[in-house]
């Protein structure tokens, strides 16, 4: 039986910003895994002008329960004024989906 998970894609200006955002999301248990997909070249219109930029793509893997919080976290901690945040639900294998769910649970305060 497959487990639903959420994938969130964003781009960042450089390796330092990407590493910082990824580590913060992992530390906060908002994502179980963040994969750096590598450098991409983006071409876009921004404030009436066509721009080109080299960016790093990150793919966050999270649970359904934490996906909205992860999106808000990325928005609040991203260096761009209007960050790319694209998310979609996917089916993961049972074991991988269970691992994502376990890694994104809030720690219990005992």
N, C-alpha and C. Protein backbone atom coordinates (compact mmCIF):
# COMPACT_ATOMS: atom_id res chain seq x y z
N UNK A 1 0.84 -1.18 0.00
CA UNK A 1 0.00 0.00 0.00
C UNK A 1 0.88 1.24 0.00
N UNK A 2 0.65 2.15 -0.92
CA UNK A 2 1.42 3.39 -1.00
C UNK A 2 0.98 4.39 0.05
N UNK A 3 1.87 5.31 0.37
CA UNK A 3 1.61 6.34 1.37
C UNK A 3 1.68 7.70 0.69
N UNK A 4 0.69 8.58 0.93
CA UNK A 4 0.78 9.91 0.33
C UNK A 4 1.84 10.76 1.02
N UNK A 5 2.60 11.48 0.22
CA UNK A 5 3.61 12.42 0.71
C UNK A 5 3.45 13.70 -0.12
N UNK A 6 4.13 14.75 0.31
CA UNK A 6 4.10 16.01 -0.44
C UNK A 6 5.52 16.38 -0.83
N UNK A 7 5.69 16.78 -2.08
CA UNK A 7 6.96 17.25 -2.61
C UNK A 7 6.84 18.75 -2.81
N UNK A 8 7.87 19.49 -2.38
CA UNK A 8 7.87 20.94 -2.51
C UNK A 8 9.16 21.35 -3.21
N UNK A 9 9.02 22.09 -4.29
CA UNK A 9 10.15 22.52 -5.10
C UNK A 9 10.36 24.02 -4.93
N UNK A 10 11.62 24.43 -4.78
CA UNK A 10 11.95 25.85 -4.75
C UNK A 10 13.32 26.04 -5.38
N UNK A 11 13.63 27.29 -5.71
CA UNK A 11 14.96 27.63 -6.23
C UNK A 11 15.57 28.67 -5.31
N UNK A 12 16.89 28.63 -5.20
CA UNK A 12 17.63 29.57 -4.36
C UNK A 12 18.81 30.14 -5.14
N UNK A 13 19.31 31.29 -4.69
CA UNK A 13 20.34 31.96 -5.48
C UNK A 13 21.72 31.31 -5.43
N UNK A 14 22.03 30.57 -4.36
CA UNK A 14 23.37 30.00 -4.26
C UNK A 14 23.38 28.83 -3.28
N UNK A 15 24.52 28.16 -3.23
CA UNK A 15 24.68 26.96 -2.41
C UNK A 15 24.52 27.25 -0.92
N UNK A 16 25.02 28.38 -0.46
CA UNK A 16 24.92 28.72 0.96
C UNK A 16 23.46 28.90 1.38
N UNK A 17 22.69 29.63 0.60
CA UNK A 17 21.27 29.84 0.91
C UNK A 17 20.51 28.53 0.86
N UNK A 18 20.84 27.69 -0.12
CA UNK A 18 20.17 26.39 -0.27
C UNK A 18 20.48 25.49 0.93
N UNK A 19 21.75 25.42 1.31
CA UNK A 19 22.14 24.58 2.44
C UNK A 19 21.50 25.04 3.74
N UNK A 20 21.46 26.35 3.94
CA UNK A 20 20.87 26.90 5.17
C UNK A 20 19.39 26.57 5.25
N UNK A 21 18.64 26.83 4.18
CA UNK A 21 17.20 26.57 4.18
C UNK A 21 16.92 25.08 4.36
N UNK A 22 17.68 24.24 3.68
CA UNK A 22 17.48 22.78 3.78
C UNK A 22 17.74 22.30 5.21
N UNK A 23 18.83 22.74 5.81
CA UNK A 23 19.17 22.30 7.16
C UNK A 23 18.16 22.78 8.18
N UNK A 24 17.70 24.01 8.04
CA UNK A 24 16.69 24.54 8.95
C UNK A 24 15.39 23.73 8.87
N UNK A 25 14.99 23.35 7.67
CA UNK A 25 13.76 22.57 7.49
C UNK A 25 13.91 21.17 8.10
N UNK A 26 15.08 20.57 7.93
CA UNK A 26 15.34 19.25 8.52
C UNK A 26 15.36 19.37 10.05
N UNK A 27 16.07 20.37 10.56
CA UNK A 27 16.17 20.55 12.01
C UNK A 27 14.80 20.78 12.66
N UNK A 28 13.91 21.47 11.94
CA UNK A 28 12.57 21.74 12.46
C UNK A 28 11.60 20.58 12.21
N UNK A 29 12.09 19.53 11.59
CA UNK A 29 11.29 18.34 11.26
C UNK A 29 10.13 18.68 10.32
N UNK A 30 10.35 19.69 9.48
CA UNK A 30 9.36 20.05 8.48
C UNK A 30 9.53 19.24 7.20
N UNK A 31 10.71 18.68 7.03
CA UNK A 31 11.00 17.82 5.88
C UNK A 31 11.84 16.64 6.37
N UNK A 32 11.59 15.49 5.79
CA UNK A 32 12.38 14.31 6.12
C UNK A 32 13.67 14.29 5.31
N UNK A 33 13.60 14.86 4.12
CA UNK A 33 14.73 14.83 3.19
C UNK A 33 14.63 16.04 2.28
N UNK A 34 15.78 16.62 1.95
CA UNK A 34 15.84 17.69 0.97
C UNK A 34 16.90 17.31 -0.04
N UNK A 35 16.52 17.23 -1.29
CA UNK A 35 17.44 16.86 -2.35
C UNK A 35 17.81 18.08 -3.17
N UNK A 36 19.12 18.33 -3.28
CA UNK A 36 19.59 19.41 -4.15
C UNK A 36 19.64 18.84 -5.56
N UNK A 37 18.80 19.40 -6.42
CA UNK A 37 18.70 18.89 -7.79
C UNK A 37 19.75 19.48 -8.71
N UNK A 38 20.46 20.48 -8.24
CA UNK A 38 21.54 21.04 -9.04
C UNK A 38 21.21 22.42 -9.57
N UNK A 39 22.15 22.93 -10.36
CA UNK A 39 22.03 24.26 -10.92
C UNK A 39 21.11 24.24 -12.13
N UNK A 40 20.23 25.23 -12.18
CA UNK A 40 19.33 25.41 -13.32
C UNK A 40 19.46 26.86 -13.78
N UNK A 41 19.14 27.09 -15.02
CA UNK A 41 19.10 28.45 -15.53
C UNK A 41 17.64 28.84 -15.68
N UNK A 42 17.26 29.92 -15.01
CA UNK A 42 15.87 30.39 -15.05
C UNK A 42 15.80 31.66 -15.89
N UNK A 43 14.80 31.73 -16.75
CA UNK A 43 14.52 32.89 -17.57
C UNK A 43 13.11 33.32 -17.23
N UNK A 44 12.93 34.58 -16.83
CA UNK A 44 11.63 35.02 -16.34
C UNK A 44 11.49 36.53 -16.49
N UNK A 45 10.25 37.00 -16.43
CA UNK A 45 9.98 38.44 -16.43
C UNK A 45 9.78 38.87 -14.98
N UNK A 46 10.53 39.90 -14.56
CA UNK A 46 10.42 40.41 -13.20
C UNK A 46 10.38 41.93 -13.25
N UNK A 47 9.29 42.49 -12.76
CA UNK A 47 9.08 43.93 -12.70
C UNK A 47 9.30 44.58 -14.06
N UNK A 48 8.71 43.94 -15.08
CA UNK A 48 8.72 44.50 -16.43
C UNK A 48 9.97 44.23 -17.25
N UNK A 49 10.91 43.51 -16.70
CA UNK A 49 12.18 43.26 -17.40
C UNK A 49 12.45 41.76 -17.45
N UNK A 50 12.94 41.26 -18.57
CA UNK A 50 13.30 39.85 -18.69
C UNK A 50 14.64 39.65 -18.00
N UNK A 51 14.68 38.68 -17.10
CA UNK A 51 15.87 38.36 -16.32
C UNK A 51 16.31 36.93 -16.61
N UNK A 52 17.58 36.67 -16.39
CA UNK A 52 18.13 35.32 -16.45
C UNK A 52 18.99 35.13 -15.21
N UNK A 53 18.87 33.95 -14.59
CA UNK A 53 19.65 33.70 -13.38
C UNK A 53 19.98 32.21 -13.28
N UNK A 54 21.16 31.95 -12.75
CA UNK A 54 21.50 30.58 -12.37
C UNK A 54 21.07 30.40 -10.93
N UNK A 55 20.36 29.32 -10.67
CA UNK A 55 19.83 29.06 -9.34
C UNK A 55 20.04 27.60 -9.01
N UNK A 56 19.87 27.27 -7.72
CA UNK A 56 19.90 25.88 -7.28
C UNK A 56 18.47 25.46 -6.96
N UNK A 57 18.08 24.29 -7.44
CA UNK A 57 16.76 23.75 -7.13
C UNK A 57 16.85 22.81 -5.93
N UNK A 58 15.88 22.95 -5.02
CA UNK A 58 15.76 22.03 -3.90
C UNK A 58 14.40 21.37 -3.97
N UNK A 59 14.37 20.07 -3.64
CA UNK A 59 13.14 19.30 -3.57
C UNK A 59 12.99 18.78 -2.15
N UNK A 60 11.98 19.29 -1.44
CA UNK A 60 11.69 18.89 -0.07
C UNK A 60 10.68 17.74 -0.09
N UNK A 61 10.89 16.74 0.77
CA UNK A 61 9.93 15.64 0.92
C UNK A 61 9.36 15.73 2.32
N UNK A 62 8.03 15.83 2.42
CA UNK A 62 7.39 15.99 3.70
C UNK A 62 6.08 15.21 3.76
N UNK A 63 5.48 15.20 4.93
CA UNK A 63 4.21 14.51 5.13
C UNK A 63 3.06 15.46 4.82
N UNK A 64 1.89 14.89 4.60
CA UNK A 64 0.70 15.71 4.40
C UNK A 64 0.47 16.63 5.60
N UNK A 65 0.71 16.11 6.78
CA UNK A 65 0.45 16.87 8.01
C UNK A 65 1.35 18.10 8.14
N UNK A 66 2.55 18.06 7.56
CA UNK A 66 3.50 19.16 7.74
C UNK A 66 3.67 20.04 6.49
N UNK A 67 2.96 19.73 5.42
CA UNK A 67 3.20 20.43 4.15
C UNK A 67 2.85 21.92 4.20
N UNK A 68 1.74 22.29 4.81
CA UNK A 68 1.39 23.71 4.89
C UNK A 68 2.38 24.48 5.74
N UNK A 69 2.81 23.88 6.83
CA UNK A 69 3.79 24.53 7.70
C UNK A 69 5.14 24.68 6.99
N UNK A 70 5.52 23.68 6.21
CA UNK A 70 6.76 23.77 5.43
C UNK A 70 6.67 24.92 4.42
N UNK A 71 5.55 25.04 3.74
CA UNK A 71 5.37 26.12 2.77
C UNK A 71 5.50 27.48 3.45
N UNK A 72 4.85 27.66 4.59
CA UNK A 72 4.95 28.92 5.33
C UNK A 72 6.39 29.18 5.77
N UNK A 73 7.08 28.12 6.19
CA UNK A 73 8.48 28.25 6.61
C UNK A 73 9.35 28.72 5.44
N UNK A 74 9.18 28.11 4.28
CA UNK A 74 9.97 28.51 3.10
C UNK A 74 9.68 29.97 2.76
N UNK A 75 8.41 30.35 2.74
CA UNK A 75 8.05 31.75 2.45
C UNK A 75 8.72 32.71 3.42
N UNK A 76 8.73 32.37 4.70
CA UNK A 76 9.27 33.26 5.73
C UNK A 76 10.80 33.33 5.74
N UNK A 77 11.47 32.27 5.28
CA UNK A 77 12.94 32.19 5.39
C UNK A 77 13.67 32.25 4.07
N UNK A 78 12.95 32.42 2.99
CA UNK A 78 13.55 32.44 1.66
C UNK A 78 14.13 33.83 1.37
N UNK A 79 15.29 33.91 0.73
CA UNK A 79 15.88 35.22 0.46
C UNK A 79 15.20 36.02 -0.65
N UNK A 80 14.36 35.38 -1.48
CA UNK A 80 13.70 36.09 -2.58
C UNK A 80 12.45 36.80 -2.10
N UNK A 81 12.15 37.90 -2.72
CA UNK A 81 10.92 38.64 -2.44
C UNK A 81 9.68 37.79 -2.77
N UNK A 82 9.75 37.10 -3.91
CA UNK A 82 8.65 36.22 -4.33
C UNK A 82 9.25 34.86 -4.69
N UNK A 83 9.43 33.99 -3.71
CA UNK A 83 10.08 32.70 -4.00
C UNK A 83 9.17 31.76 -4.79
N UNK A 84 9.80 30.96 -5.62
CA UNK A 84 9.09 29.87 -6.28
C UNK A 84 8.82 28.79 -5.23
N UNK A 85 7.57 28.46 -5.03
CA UNK A 85 7.19 27.35 -4.16
C UNK A 85 6.10 26.59 -4.89
N UNK A 86 6.45 25.42 -5.36
CA UNK A 86 5.52 24.57 -6.11
C UNK A 86 5.43 23.25 -5.36
N UNK A 87 4.21 22.82 -5.06
CA UNK A 87 4.07 21.57 -4.32
C UNK A 87 3.03 20.68 -4.97
N UNK A 88 3.20 19.39 -4.74
CA UNK A 88 2.23 18.42 -5.24
C UNK A 88 2.27 17.18 -4.37
N UNK A 89 1.14 16.51 -4.33
CA UNK A 89 1.04 15.27 -3.56
C UNK A 89 1.46 14.11 -4.46
N UNK A 90 2.17 13.17 -3.88
CA UNK A 90 2.63 12.00 -4.63
C UNK A 90 2.45 10.76 -3.76
N UNK A 91 2.47 9.62 -4.40
CA UNK A 91 2.42 8.34 -3.69
C UNK A 91 3.83 7.80 -3.55
N UNK A 92 4.21 7.53 -2.31
CA UNK A 92 5.52 6.94 -2.03
C UNK A 92 5.33 5.46 -1.69
N UNK A 93 6.38 4.70 -1.83
CA UNK A 93 6.31 3.31 -1.37
C UNK A 93 5.96 3.33 0.12
N UNK A 94 5.37 2.27 0.60
CA UNK A 94 4.92 2.23 1.99
C UNK A 94 6.06 2.52 2.96
N UNK A 95 7.19 1.88 2.79
CA UNK A 95 8.31 2.06 3.72
C UNK A 95 8.85 3.49 3.68
N UNK A 96 9.02 4.03 2.48
CA UNK A 96 9.55 5.39 2.36
C UNK A 96 8.55 6.40 2.90
N UNK A 97 7.30 6.24 2.59
CA UNK A 97 6.26 7.14 3.10
C UNK A 97 6.17 7.10 4.61
N UNK A 98 6.30 5.92 5.19
CA UNK A 98 6.27 5.81 6.65
C UNK A 98 7.48 6.49 7.27
N UNK A 99 8.63 6.39 6.61
CA UNK A 99 9.83 7.05 7.10
C UNK A 99 9.64 8.57 7.07
N UNK A 100 9.09 9.11 5.98
CA UNK A 100 8.83 10.55 5.88
C UNK A 100 7.89 10.99 6.99
N UNK A 101 6.83 10.23 7.22
CA UNK A 101 5.88 10.56 8.28
C UNK A 101 6.55 10.56 9.64
N UNK A 102 7.35 9.55 9.91
CA UNK A 102 8.04 9.45 11.20
C UNK A 102 9.02 10.60 11.41
N UNK A 103 9.76 10.96 10.36
CA UNK A 103 10.78 12.00 10.48
C UNK A 103 10.21 13.40 10.57
N UNK A 104 8.95 13.57 10.21
CA UNK A 104 8.35 14.91 10.25
C UNK A 104 7.36 15.07 11.40
N UNK A 105 7.33 14.10 12.29
CA UNK A 105 6.47 14.24 13.47
C UNK A 105 7.14 15.17 14.47
N UNK A 106 6.32 15.94 15.14
CA UNK A 106 6.85 16.82 16.19
C UNK A 106 7.36 15.96 17.34
N UNK A 107 8.48 16.33 17.93
CA UNK A 107 8.96 15.57 19.08
C UNK A 107 8.02 15.73 20.26
N UNK A 108 7.86 14.68 21.02
CA UNK A 108 7.01 14.72 22.20
C UNK A 108 7.74 15.38 23.33
N UNK A 109 7.07 16.28 24.03
CA UNK A 109 7.64 16.90 25.23
C UNK A 109 7.16 16.12 26.43
N UNK A 110 8.07 15.37 27.03
CA UNK A 110 7.71 14.51 28.16
C UNK A 110 8.17 15.13 29.45
